[in-house]
Amino acid sequence: MISALFIGLVLFLLSKRIRISEPYLLIIDSKDIKTGDIENILKKYTLLYKLRSKTVDKEKSQLIVEIKIKKNKIQNLLEGLKSQKDITFVKLVSYEGDLEEA
């Protein structure tokens, strides 16, 4: 009886867990993507990130990265990316995906 109550309580708490951060899709267009520089910025301002797509053509490249941003760091992340000289476009889209730590 006690173990059933304990298991029920644990399941209830897990179902009501508070999300640390909402997931976003980060879209980056660049003339010449330097993934090392972008990765350093992502490490600094995100909790987790995962490359979802990389497109390269003659004139530009595009990365789509699923991220979870550290608390109150959205503006810092966007400014850090915009400060890179070859990045021409940065877009952050709210995302209802399932980014989990591997």
Protein backbone atom coordinates (compact mmCIF):
# COMPACT_ATOMS: atom_id res chain seq x y z
CA MET A 1 0.00 0.00 0.00
CA ILE A 2 2.74 2.46 0.97
CA SER A 3 4.81 1.56 -2.09
CA ALA A 4 1.79 2.14 -4.37
CA LEU A 5 1.30 5.60 -2.85
CA PHE A 6 5.00 6.37 -3.26
CA ILE A 7 4.98 5.28 -6.91
CA GLY A 8 1.82 7.29 -7.52
CA LEU A 9 3.39 10.38 -5.95
CA VAL A 10 6.58 10.01 -8.02
CA LEU A 11 4.57 9.63 -11.24
CA PHE A 12 2.48 12.67 -10.36
CA LEU A 13 5.55 14.80 -9.67
CA LEU A 14 7.23 13.68 -12.89
CA SER A 15 4.13 14.53 -14.91
CA LYS A 16 4.06 18.04 -13.40
CA ARG A 17 7.77 18.76 -13.72
CA ILE A 18 8.69 22.32 -14.52
CA ARG A 19 10.39 22.89 -17.84
CA ILE A 20 13.74 24.57 -17.45
CA SER A 21 13.58 26.13 -20.88
CA GLU A 22 11.29 26.01 -23.87
CA PRO A 23 12.80 24.59 -27.07
CA TYR A 24 13.46 26.85 -30.06
CA LEU A 25 14.58 26.40 -33.63
CA LEU A 26 17.46 28.72 -34.50
CA ILE A 27 17.82 29.47 -38.22
CA ILE A 28 21.12 30.98 -39.33
CA ASP A 29 21.94 32.13 -42.88
CA SER A 30 25.53 32.96 -43.70
CA LYS A 31 27.83 33.66 -46.61
CA ASP A 32 30.43 31.39 -45.02
CA ILE A 33 29.31 29.45 -41.94
CA LYS A 34 32.09 28.92 -39.43
CA THR A 35 30.55 26.16 -37.34
CA GLY A 36 33.26 26.42 -34.68
CA ASP A 37 32.41 30.06 -33.95
CA ILE A 38 28.69 29.34 -33.91
CA GLU A 39 29.20 26.32 -31.66
CA ASN A 40 31.15 28.44 -29.15
CA ILE A 41 28.26 30.93 -28.99
CA LEU A 42 25.73 28.11 -28.58
CA LYS A 43 27.75 26.56 -25.75
CA LYS A 44 27.85 29.91 -23.99
CA TYR A 45 24.14 30.77 -24.17
CA THR A 46 22.26 27.45 -24.43
CA LEU A 47 21.63 24.48 -22.18
CA LEU A 48 21.37 22.02 -25.08
CA TYR A 49 21.61 22.22 -28.84
CA LYS A 50 21.33 19.80 -31.73
CA LEU A 51 21.97 20.42 -35.42
CA ARG A 52 18.79 19.59 -37.34
CA SER A 53 19.70 20.73 -40.85
CA LYS A 54 22.61 22.16 -42.81
CA THR A 55 22.10 23.46 -46.34
CA VAL A 56 24.91 24.74 -48.55
CA ASP A 57 24.66 26.28 -52.00
CA LYS A 58 26.95 28.49 -54.10
CA GLU A 59 26.05 31.78 -52.44
CA LYS A 60 25.05 30.97 -48.88
CA SER A 61 24.69 28.35 -46.18
CA GLN A 62 21.93 27.74 -43.69
CA LEU A 63 21.91 25.97 -40.34
CA ILE A 64 18.82 24.96 -38.40
CA VAL A 65 19.61 24.13 -34.79
CA GLU A 66 17.21 22.97 -32.07
CA ILE A 67 18.16 24.70 -28.82
CA LYS A 68 17.18 25.24 -25.21
CA ILE A 69 18.32 28.69 -24.11
CA LYS A 70 19.71 29.50 -20.69
CA LYS A 71 17.43 31.69 -18.59
CA ASN A 72 17.32 35.33 -19.80
CA LYS A 73 19.96 34.75 -22.50
CA ILE A 74 17.87 35.09 -25.70
CA GLN A 75 19.07 38.62 -26.44
CA ASN A 76 22.70 37.72 -25.67
CA LEU A 77 22.51 34.73 -28.02
CA LEU A 78 21.04 36.76 -30.88
CA GLU A 79 23.54 39.60 -30.41
CA GLY A 80 26.44 37.13 -30.27
CA LEU A 81 25.34 35.58 -33.54
CA LYS A 82 24.65 38.93 -35.25
CA SER A 83 28.14 40.09 -34.33
CA GLN A 84 29.67 37.42 -36.59
CA LYS A 85 30.64 39.17 -39.83
CA ASP A 86 29.44 36.53 -42.31
CA ILE A 87 26.03 35.87 -40.73
CA THR A 88 23.32 37.58 -42.78
CA PHE A 89 20.14 36.35 -41.08
CA VAL A 90 19.19 34.94 -37.66
CA LYS A 91 15.70 33.77 -36.76
CA LEU A 92 14.49 32.20 -33.52
CA VAL A 93 11.24 30.22 -33.66
CA SER A 94 9.37 28.74 -30.69
CA TYR A 95 9.26 24.98 -31.09
CA GLU A 96 7.21 22.26 -29.43
CA GLY A 97 9.78 19.55 -30.09
CA ASP A 98 11.41 17.15 -27.72
CA LEU A 99 15.08 18.03 -27.21
CA GLU A 100 16.50 15.76 -24.55
CA GLU A 101 20.00 15.45 -23.19
CA ALA A 102 21.79 12.49 -24.74
